[in-house]
Amino acid sequence: MVMDTLTCFLLNDNLDTQRLQSKSSHPLSFVDAQQQTAQQVLNEQRDSNQVARTFLLWDQPDTLVLIDSLYNLPSTRYSLDQPHSLDDVLLEWRGQSSKVDLPVLTRSIALSLTLNDLLLDKTHLSLLEQAIVQCIGTDHRLVVLVNVKQFHLTPNWSITTEQQWHAWQRAVTLLYLQQIQVAYTNQCPLFDMTVLFPDLLDPCWMTDMAFDQIFTSAQDTALVEVWNKIRDDHALPSWQPVVLTTIDPPESEEISQSSPETSVTFSRVIVGGTFDHLHAGHKILLTMTALLGKVSMTVGVTDDVILQSKKYKELLEPTTVRMGAVKRFCQTIRPDLEYKVVPIFDPFGPTISEPNLDALVVSQETLSGGNMVNDERLRRNYHPLVLRVIDVVSEAGSHGDQSYTDKISSSWIRKYLYDLKQ
């Protein structure tokens, strides 16, 4: 149902508010937001306890964006030139909530996992499966807190060798692959999970984050007690620990000793993509890029104007929404880096306009594009970027099941949403 009053944030001047009001029988409340960007308005609204279920962002003279904050429906653009009233479009758009299985995930549960040498075994995956299933049953999102032994992680730490890159990529990828498999098996493909490494977070993370519960193994309860002691010192409620069932761990895997590698630090790293309906594949890509960077990370987000040939393009999130989701995720997993999230209008983006970049993270599918970037940089007398490759399919094969890798796709999600509307 459409709200009695809709708030419309005006991001430009000379917008014909009377024309928009004539498109709706419901009163519109216009708020001057010309001193803010669309992203700032989105962040404020989503961080506010008084956030409206639906609001409007008017950023172009003849079109505006409809934003939903409750069901996380794909944002959509409304054109004042179309014959349909704003009321009709809102009713059709909001009607998706009764057809799309998108639970309201406003609460979080945490899972504490401790890894030795970044190795995941059947015990870890069993704990993760139990946590996901319980979160699905109670409409919670899951935050996985990964405590890594044998790595002295601190803010400003970064991956410096090929061996480290592959070890971290394997661990991050297998965690998210387990999420995908369990979520699909339990008919909740859009289940939301984020992997964090507490030692890389701001020291006050224990007082800033709110979890209804924290799942743990019996071996990790002492660590949860330490975290709760810090919360008690700040007069905050303790996180309720829930000990999950563990299976007998397999024999420790012997780690082969490889010859020492040369360490290379990458101060400024970059990655690009569409990042529509931010999913596990995106989170792997962004997490690994953030772990590689020492000082700053640039993310190029493909602008709407060059996505017109995408399948189910009517369900594409607007550029500003996708940029906001990327920045919020990156700042959550690695708050010590400087972030620049920018729209891109060609295959290159900032990679050929910023000479001081050090490394570019690509997928196996976009590796050829990375080589094209370096060819263009050489033509401009810039140093080539070191390419670091994410290969989810290979990791899935080593995990024993590649059947879910085709689901790590924004186009799959858009098709899923489209089919549920029919």
Protein backbone atom coordinates (compact mmCIF):
# COMPACT_ATOMS: atom_id res chain seq x y z
CA MET A 1 0.00 0.00 0.00
CA VAL A 2 1.26 3.50 -0.87
CA MET A 3 1.97 5.73 2.09
CA ASP A 4 -0.29 8.74 2.76
CA THR A 5 2.65 11.11 2.39
CA LEU A 6 5.74 10.47 0.31
CA THR A 7 9.01 12.30 0.92
CA CYS A 8 10.78 13.50 -2.19
CA PHE A 9 14.38 14.72 -1.91
CA LEU A 10 15.20 17.43 -4.47
CA LEU A 11 18.80 17.04 -5.62
CA ASN A 12 18.67 19.74 -8.31
CA ASP A 13 17.08 23.16 -8.73
CA ASN A 14 14.38 24.09 -11.24
CA LEU A 15 12.45 20.87 -10.65
CA ASP A 16 8.75 21.18 -11.41
CA THR A 17 7.25 19.98 -8.13
CA GLN A 18 3.71 20.86 -9.23
CA ARG A 19 4.09 18.61 -12.25
CA LEU A 20 5.14 15.70 -10.06
CA GLN A 21 2.34 16.33 -7.57
CA SER A 22 -0.15 16.21 -10.44
CA LYS A 23 1.01 12.63 -11.07
CA SER A 24 -0.04 11.47 -7.60
CA SER A 25 -3.21 11.71 -5.53
CA HIS A 26 -1.13 11.37 -2.38
CA PRO A 27 0.54 14.45 -0.85
CA LEU A 28 4.25 14.76 -1.54
CA SER A 29 6.63 16.29 0.98
CA PHE A 30 9.50 18.00 -0.85
CA VAL A 31 12.86 18.30 0.92
CA ASP A 32 15.63 20.51 -0.48
CA ALA A 33 18.73 18.28 -0.66
CA GLN A 34 20.75 20.21 -3.23
CA GLN A 35 23.72 20.43 -0.87
CA GLN A 36 23.90 16.66 -0.69
CA THR A 37 24.65 13.88 -3.14
CA ALA A 38 22.17 11.11 -3.77
CA GLN A 39 24.47 8.77 -1.87
CA GLN A 40 24.51 11.01 1.20
CA VAL A 41 20.71 11.10 1.25
CA LEU A 42 20.54 7.32 0.88
CA ASN A 43 23.02 6.79 3.70
CA GLU A 44 21.17 9.17 6.02
CA GLN A 45 17.81 7.57 5.32
CA ARG A 46 19.06 4.02 5.74
CA ASP A 47 20.95 4.86 8.93
CA SER A 48 17.97 6.67 10.45
CA ASN A 49 15.65 4.96 12.89
CA GLN A 50 12.82 7.03 11.41
CA VAL A 51 13.42 5.88 7.85
CA ALA A 52 10.35 5.85 5.64
CA ARG A 53 9.35 2.68 3.87
CA THR A 54 9.41 4.39 0.48
CA PHE A 55 10.89 7.71 -0.60
CA LEU A 56 11.88 9.48 -3.81
CA LEU A 57 15.19 10.86 -5.05
CA TRP A 58 14.67 13.49 -7.76
CA ASP A 59 18.02 13.91 -9.50
CA GLN A 60 17.06 14.61 -13.12
CA PRO A 61 14.47 17.04 -14.55
CA ASP A 62 12.20 14.39 -16.07
CA THR A 63 12.99 11.25 -14.07
CA LEU A 64 13.35 10.33 -10.41
CA VAL A 65 14.29 7.24 -8.42
CA LEU A 66 11.90 5.23 -6.22
CA ILE A 67 13.71 3.84 -3.19
CA ASP A 68 12.40 1.10 -0.91
CA SER A 69 14.01 0.76 2.53
CA LEU A 70 11.97 -2.03 4.07
CA TYR A 71 11.91 -4.93 1.63
CA ASN A 72 15.09 -3.99 -0.25
CA LEU A 73 13.23 -4.14 -3.53
CA PRO A 74 15.25 -3.13 -6.58
CA SER A 75 15.07 0.65 -6.89
CA THR A 76 13.44 1.86 -10.07
CA ARG A 77 13.20 5.04 -12.14
CA TYR A 78 9.95 6.86 -12.84
CA SER A 79 9.64 9.11 -15.87
CA LEU A 80 7.30 12.07 -15.68
CA ASP A 81 6.72 11.70 -19.41
CA GLN A 82 5.14 8.26 -19.15
CA PRO A 83 1.33 8.00 -19.23
CA HIS A 84 1.09 6.05 -15.96
CA SER A 85 0.56 7.97 -12.76
CA LEU A 86 3.07 7.83 -9.94
CA ASP A 87 0.39 6.06 -7.88
CA ASP A 88 0.05 3.26 -10.45
CA VAL A 89 3.82 2.76 -10.67
CA LEU A 90 4.19 2.75 -6.90
CA LEU A 91 1.38 0.23 -6.46
CA GLU A 92 2.84 -2.12 -9.07
CA TRP A 93 6.36 -1.71 -7.71
CA ARG A 94 5.38 -2.12 -4.06
CA GLY A 95 3.25 -5.08 -5.04
CA GLN A 96 6.46 -7.01 -5.63
CA SER A 97 6.79 -7.38 -1.87
CA SER A 98 3.92 -9.87 -1.78
CA LYS A 99 5.42 -11.91 -4.61
CA VAL A 100 9.16 -11.70 -3.97
CA ASP A 101 10.62 -13.74 -1.15
CA LEU A 102 12.68 -10.94 0.39
CA PRO A 103 12.51 -11.16 4.19
CA VAL A 104 13.09 -8.05 6.25
CA LEU A 105 16.60 -8.59 7.52
CA THR A 106 17.12 -5.72 9.94
CA ARG A 107 18.81 -7.84 12.62
CA SER A 108 22.09 -9.70 12.66
CA ILE A 109 23.51 -12.81 14.25
CA ALA A 110 27.26 -13.45 14.38
CA LEU A 111 29.27 -16.63 14.01
CA SER A 112 32.78 -16.83 15.44
CA LEU A 113 35.18 -19.06 13.49
CA THR A 114 38.86 -19.59 14.27
CA LEU A 115 41.10 -20.77 11.44
CA ASN A 116 44.62 -22.15 11.60
CA ASP A 117 46.69 -21.05 8.62
CA LEU A 118 43.48 -20.00 6.82
CA LEU A 119 42.45 -23.64 6.39
CA LEU A 120 38.74 -24.50 6.50
CA ASP A 121 37.82 -28.04 7.43
CA LYS A 122 34.52 -29.93 7.72
CA THR A 123 34.04 -28.65 11.26
CA HIS A 124 34.12 -25.02 10.12
CA LEU A 125 31.76 -25.67 7.23
CA SER A 126 29.36 -27.56 9.50
CA LEU A 127 29.29 -24.64 11.96
CA LEU A 128 28.64 -22.24 9.11
CA GLU A 129 25.84 -24.41 7.71
CA GLN A 130 24.13 -24.59 11.12
CA ALA A 131 24.39 -20.82 11.55
CA ILE A 132 22.96 -20.08 8.10
CA VAL A 133 20.03 -22.46 8.55
CA GLN A 134 19.13 -20.92 11.90
CA CYS A 135 19.44 -17.37 10.52
CA ILE A 136 17.14 -18.24 7.62
CA GLY A 137 14.61 -19.63 10.06
CA THR A 138 14.58 -16.41 12.14
CA ASP A 139 14.99 -13.84 9.33
CA HIS A 140 18.43 -12.67 10.42
CA ARG A 141 21.44 -11.75 8.36
CA LEU A 142 24.70 -13.46 9.31
CA VAL A 143 28.06 -11.85 10.07
CA VAL A 144 30.94 -14.34 10.14
CA LEU A 145 33.79 -13.20 12.40
CA VAL A 146 36.90 -15.03 11.21
CA ASN A 147 39.80 -15.13 13.65
CA VAL A 148 42.98 -16.10 11.84
CA LYS A 149 45.88 -17.64 13.73
CA GLN A 150 49.46 -17.53 12.43
CA PHE A 151 48.76 -14.13 10.84
CA HIS A 152 49.55 -11.06 12.88
CA LEU A 153 46.72 -8.98 11.47
CA THR A 154 46.48 -5.31 12.31
CA PRO A 155 44.87 -2.33 10.59
CA ASN A 156 47.03 -1.34 7.59
CA TRP A 157 48.07 -4.97 7.08
CA SER A 158 47.86 -6.18 3.47
CA ILE A 159 48.55 -9.22 1.30
CA THR A 160 52.11 -9.01 -0.02
CA THR A 161 52.87 -12.37 -1.71
CA GLU A 162 51.29 -14.68 -4.28
CA GLN A 163 51.14 -17.44 -1.68
CA GLN A 164 49.17 -15.21 0.69
CA TRP A 165 46.85 -14.15 -2.15
CA HIS A 166 45.92 -17.75 -2.97
CA ALA A 167 45.51 -18.76 0.68
CA TRP A 168 43.23 -15.83 1.48
CA GLN A 169 41.29 -16.23 -1.76
CA ARG A 170 40.64 -19.88 -1.00
CA ALA A 171 39.38 -19.16 2.51
CA VAL A 172 37.14 -16.22 1.55
CA THR A 173 35.76 -18.03 -1.50
CA LEU A 174 34.94 -21.26 0.35
CA LEU A 175 33.08 -19.35 3.08
CA TYR A 176 30.88 -17.59 0.52
CA LEU A 177 30.44 -20.76 -1.55
CA GLN A 178 29.12 -22.50 1.55
CA GLN A 179 26.66 -19.63 2.01
CA ILE A 180 25.41 -20.02 -1.56
CA GLN A 181 24.99 -23.79 -1.33
CA VAL A 182 23.18 -23.77 2.01
CA ALA A 183 20.99 -20.79 1.11
CA TYR A 184 19.88 -22.35 -2.19
CA THR A 185 19.26 -25.71 -0.56
CA ASN A 186 17.01 -23.96 1.96
CA GLN A 187 15.07 -22.00 -0.72
CA CYS A 188 16.50 -18.64 0.34
CA PRO A 189 18.90 -17.68 -2.48
CA LEU A 190 19.03 -14.01 -1.50
CA PHE A 191 20.21 -14.74 2.04
CA ASP A 192 22.62 -12.05 3.23
CA MET A 193 25.99 -12.93 4.78
CA THR A 194 29.18 -10.94 5.28
CA VAL A 195 32.61 -12.22 6.28
CA LEU A 196 34.67 -9.98 8.57
CA PHE A 197 38.15 -10.28 10.04
CA PRO A 198 37.98 -8.65 13.49
CA ASP A 199 41.72 -7.96 13.71
CA LEU A 200 41.43 -5.71 10.63
CA LEU A 201 38.54 -3.69 12.04
CA ASP A 202 38.53 -0.56 14.13
CA PRO A 203 39.24 -1.48 17.79
CA CYS A 204 35.77 -0.25 18.78
CA TRP A 205 33.99 -2.75 16.53
CA MET A 206 32.88 -4.75 19.58
CA THR A 207 30.95 -1.77 20.90
CA ASP A 208 29.63 -0.59 17.54
CA MET A 209 28.06 -3.82 16.27
CA ALA A 210 24.74 -5.18 17.49
CA PHE A 211 24.08 -8.91 17.34
CA ASP A 212 21.04 -10.69 18.74
CA GLN A 213 23.18 -13.77 19.33
CA ILE A 214 26.65 -15.04 18.59
CA PHE A 215 27.08 -18.62 17.43
CA THR A 216 30.31 -20.29 18.45
CA SER A 217 32.01 -23.62 18.99
CA ALA A 218 32.87 -24.80 22.48
CA GLN A 219 36.51 -23.99 21.72
CA ASP A 220 35.71 -20.33 20.93
CA THR A 221 33.58 -19.50 23.98
CA ALA A 222 36.58 -17.98 25.77
CA LEU A 223 37.02 -15.51 22.91
CA VAL A 224 33.35 -14.52 23.09
CA GLU A 225 33.78 -13.96 26.82
CA VAL A 226 36.65 -11.56 26.11
CA TRP A 227 34.46 -9.61 23.66
CA ASN A 228 31.60 -9.50 26.16
CA LYS A 229 33.92 -8.22 28.88
CA ILE A 230 34.75 -5.25 26.66
CA ARG A 231 31.05 -4.65 26.04
CA ASP A 232 30.37 -4.85 29.78
CA ASP A 233 33.06 -2.21 30.37
CA HIS A 234 31.09 0.10 28.05
CA ALA A 235 27.78 -0.67 29.79
CA LEU A 236 26.52 -2.56 26.73
CA PRO A 237 24.50 -5.79 26.85
CA SER A 238 26.48 -8.97 26.33
CA TRP A 239 26.13 -10.95 23.15
CA GLN A 240 24.23 -14.15 23.93
CA PRO A 241 26.53 -17.07 23.04
CA VAL A 242 24.97 -20.14 21.43
CA VAL A 243 27.27 -23.15 21.24
CA LEU A 244 26.75 -25.13 18.04
CA THR A 245 27.30 -28.85 17.58
CA THR A 246 30.70 -29.74 16.20
CA ILE A 247 31.82 -32.83 14.36
CA ASP A 248 35.14 -34.52 14.97
CA PRO A 249 37.74 -32.46 13.16
CA PRO A 250 39.72 -34.24 10.47
CA GLU A 251 43.41 -34.84 10.86
CA SER A 252 45.39 -31.65 10.50
CA GLU A 253 46.35 -30.98 6.92
CA GLU A 254 50.08 -30.82 6.45
CA ILE A 255 51.11 -27.50 5.02
CA SER A 256 53.77 -27.73 2.36
CA GLN A 257 56.72 -25.46 2.87
CA SER A 258 57.19 -23.35 -0.23
CA SER A 259 60.27 -21.35 -0.97
CA PRO A 260 60.25 -17.76 0.31
CA GLU A 261 58.58 -15.23 -1.95
CA THR A 262 59.41 -11.61 -2.56
CA SER A 263 57.01 -9.35 -0.70
CA VAL A 264 55.37 -6.56 -2.69
CA THR A 265 53.11 -3.93 -1.14
CA PHE A 266 50.35 -2.37 -3.23
CA SER A 267 49.42 1.03 -1.83
CA ARG A 268 46.67 1.86 -4.33
CA VAL A 269 44.48 -0.88 -5.76
CA ILE A 270 41.50 -0.81 -8.11
CA VAL A 271 38.65 -3.08 -9.17
CA GLY A 272 35.62 -2.60 -11.39
CA GLY A 273 32.24 -4.14 -12.08
CA THR A 274 28.50 -3.61 -12.31
CA PHE A 275 27.85 -4.68 -8.69
CA ASP A 276 24.12 -5.01 -9.24
CA HIS A 277 22.24 -6.63 -6.31
CA LEU A 278 25.47 -7.07 -4.33
CA HIS A 279 25.99 -10.82 -3.92
CA ALA A 280 28.56 -13.34 -2.72
CA GLY A 281 30.66 -13.12 -5.88
CA HIS A 282 30.92 -9.35 -5.52
CA LYS A 283 31.82 -9.73 -1.85
CA ILE A 284 34.67 -12.12 -2.72
CA LEU A 285 36.00 -9.67 -5.31
CA LEU A 286 35.72 -6.61 -3.06
CA THR A 287 37.10 -8.41 0.01
CA MET A 288 40.18 -9.65 -1.81
CA THR A 289 40.82 -6.23 -3.32
CA ALA A 290 40.53 -4.62 0.12
CA LEU A 291 42.93 -7.19 1.59
CA LEU A 292 45.44 -6.38 -1.16
CA GLY A 293 45.45 -2.62 -0.64
CA LYS A 294 47.64 -0.80 1.86
CA VAL A 295 46.40 2.79 1.56
CA SER A 296 43.51 3.25 -0.86
CA MET A 297 41.03 1.33 -2.99
CA THR A 298 39.19 2.62 -6.05
CA VAL A 299 36.04 0.87 -7.26
CA GLY A 300 34.62 1.62 -10.69
CA VAL A 301 30.87 0.95 -10.91
CA THR A 302 29.43 0.63 -14.42
CA ASP A 303 26.95 3.44 -15.04
CA ASP A 304 23.35 2.84 -16.08
CA VAL A 305 23.89 4.42 -19.49
CA ILE A 306 26.05 1.55 -20.76
CA LEU A 307 23.94 -1.25 -19.30
CA GLN A 308 20.99 -1.00 -21.65
CA SER A 309 21.70 -4.41 -23.19
CA LYS A 310 21.72 -6.24 -19.85
CA LYS A 311 19.12 -8.97 -19.38
CA TYR A 312 16.12 -7.86 -17.28
CA LYS A 313 17.51 -4.34 -17.27
CA GLU A 314 14.27 -3.04 -15.72
CA LEU A 315 15.41 -4.72 -12.48
CA LEU A 316 18.87 -3.17 -12.51
CA GLU A 317 19.55 -1.03 -9.46
CA PRO A 318 20.39 2.63 -10.23
CA THR A 319 24.06 3.55 -10.32
CA THR A 320 23.84 5.55 -7.08
CA VAL A 321 22.29 2.62 -5.22
CA ARG A 322 24.97 0.21 -6.47
CA MET A 323 27.75 2.65 -5.60
CA GLY A 324 26.34 3.11 -2.11
CA ALA A 325 26.12 -0.64 -1.50
CA VAL A 326 29.73 -1.09 -2.60
CA LYS A 327 31.08 1.69 -0.40
CA ARG A 328 29.15 0.57 2.68
CA PHE A 329 30.38 -3.00 2.26
CA CYS A 330 34.01 -1.95 1.77
CA GLN A 331 33.98 0.40 4.75
CA THR A 332 32.53 -2.41 6.86
CA ILE A 333 35.13 -5.04 6.02
CA ARG A 334 38.18 -2.75 5.95
CA PRO A 335 37.58 0.67 7.56
CA ASP A 336 41.26 1.73 7.55
CA LEU A 337 41.49 2.17 3.76
CA GLU A 338 40.61 5.29 1.79
CA TYR A 339 37.81 4.52 -0.68
CA LYS A 340 36.88 6.16 -3.94
CA VAL A 341 33.77 4.69 -5.58
CA VAL A 342 33.11 6.23 -8.99
CA PRO A 343 30.80 5.58 -11.97
CA ILE A 344 32.52 4.37 -15.13
CA PHE A 345 31.31 4.87 -18.68
CA ASP A 346 33.77 2.69 -20.63
CA PRO A 347 35.77 -0.53 -20.07
CA PHE A 348 38.73 1.35 -18.61
CA GLY A 349 37.45 3.86 -16.07
CA PRO A 350 40.14 5.35 -13.79
CA THR A 351 42.68 2.64 -14.70
CA ILE A 352 43.93 4.76 -17.63
CA SER A 353 43.55 8.19 -16.04
CA GLU A 354 45.28 7.63 -12.69
CA PRO A 355 48.99 6.88 -13.21
CA ASN A 356 49.76 6.11 -9.55
CA LEU A 357 47.64 2.96 -9.24
CA ASP A 358 49.58 -0.20 -8.39
CA ALA A 359 47.35 -3.25 -8.90
CA LEU A 360 44.11 -4.26 -10.61
CA VAL A 361 41.98 -7.16 -9.38
CA VAL A 362 40.13 -9.08 -12.10
CA SER A 363 38.17 -12.29 -12.42
CA GLN A 364 39.24 -15.15 -14.65
CA GLU A 365 36.56 -13.97 -17.10
CA THR A 366 37.83 -10.37 -17.21
CA LEU A 367 41.56 -11.11 -17.31
CA SER A 368 41.73 -10.16 -21.00
CA GLY A 369 40.25 -6.79 -20.06
CA GLY A 370 43.05 -6.34 -17.52
CA ASN A 371 45.59 -6.95 -20.27
CA MET A 372 43.84 -4.34 -22.43
CA VAL A 373 44.11 -1.87 -19.54
CA ASN A 374 47.87 -2.39 -19.35
CA ASP A 375 48.25 -2.01 -23.12
CA GLU A 376 46.47 1.34 -22.91
CA ARG A 377 48.52 2.44 -19.88
CA LEU A 378 51.74 1.69 -21.76
CA ARG A 379 50.53 3.83 -24.67
CA ARG A 380 50.11 6.66 -22.15
CA ASN A 381 53.55 6.06 -20.66
CA TYR A 382 52.10 4.78 -17.36
CA HIS A 383 53.57 1.78 -15.59
CA PRO A 384 51.51 -1.42 -16.05
CA LEU A 385 49.31 -2.59 -13.20
CA VAL A 386 50.02 -5.86 -11.44
CA LEU A 387 47.03 -8.13 -12.14
CA ARG A 388 45.63 -10.28 -9.35
CA VAL A 389 43.06 -12.85 -10.51
CA ILE A 390 39.99 -14.17 -8.67
CA ASP A 391 39.04 -17.68 -9.82
CA VAL A 392 35.84 -18.76 -8.07
CA VAL A 393 35.20 -21.68 -10.42
CA SER A 394 38.54 -23.34 -9.63
CA GLU A 395 37.97 -22.93 -5.90
CA ALA A 396 34.49 -24.40 -6.30
CA GLY A 397 35.99 -27.39 -8.07
CA SER A 398 38.47 -27.95 -5.25
CA HIS A 399 35.52 -27.69 -2.84
CA GLY A 400 33.87 -30.53 -4.73
CA ASP A 401 30.81 -28.82 -6.24
CA GLN A 402 30.62 -26.37 -9.15
CA SER A 403 26.84 -26.64 -9.55
CA TYR A 404 26.16 -23.37 -7.72
CA THR A 405 28.74 -21.13 -9.39
CA ASP A 406 26.30 -20.08 -12.13
CA LYS A 407 24.10 -18.62 -9.38
CA ILE A 408 26.83 -16.12 -8.41
CA SER A 409 25.44 -13.69 -10.95
CA SER A 410 23.47 -10.45 -10.93
CA SER A 411 21.67 -11.52 -14.10
CA TRP A 412 20.58 -14.74 -12.34
CA ILE A 413 19.23 -12.68 -9.43
CA ARG A 414 17.35 -10.34 -11.79
CA LYS A 415 15.82 -13.35 -13.56
CA TYR A 416 14.89 -14.83 -10.19
CA LEU A 417 13.16 -11.59 -9.18
CA TYR A 418 11.45 -11.35 -12.57
CA ASP A 419 10.14 -14.92 -12.38
CA LEU A 420 8.76 -14.39 -8.88
CA LYS A 421 6.77 -11.39 -10.13
CA GLN A 422 5.04 -13.44 -12.81
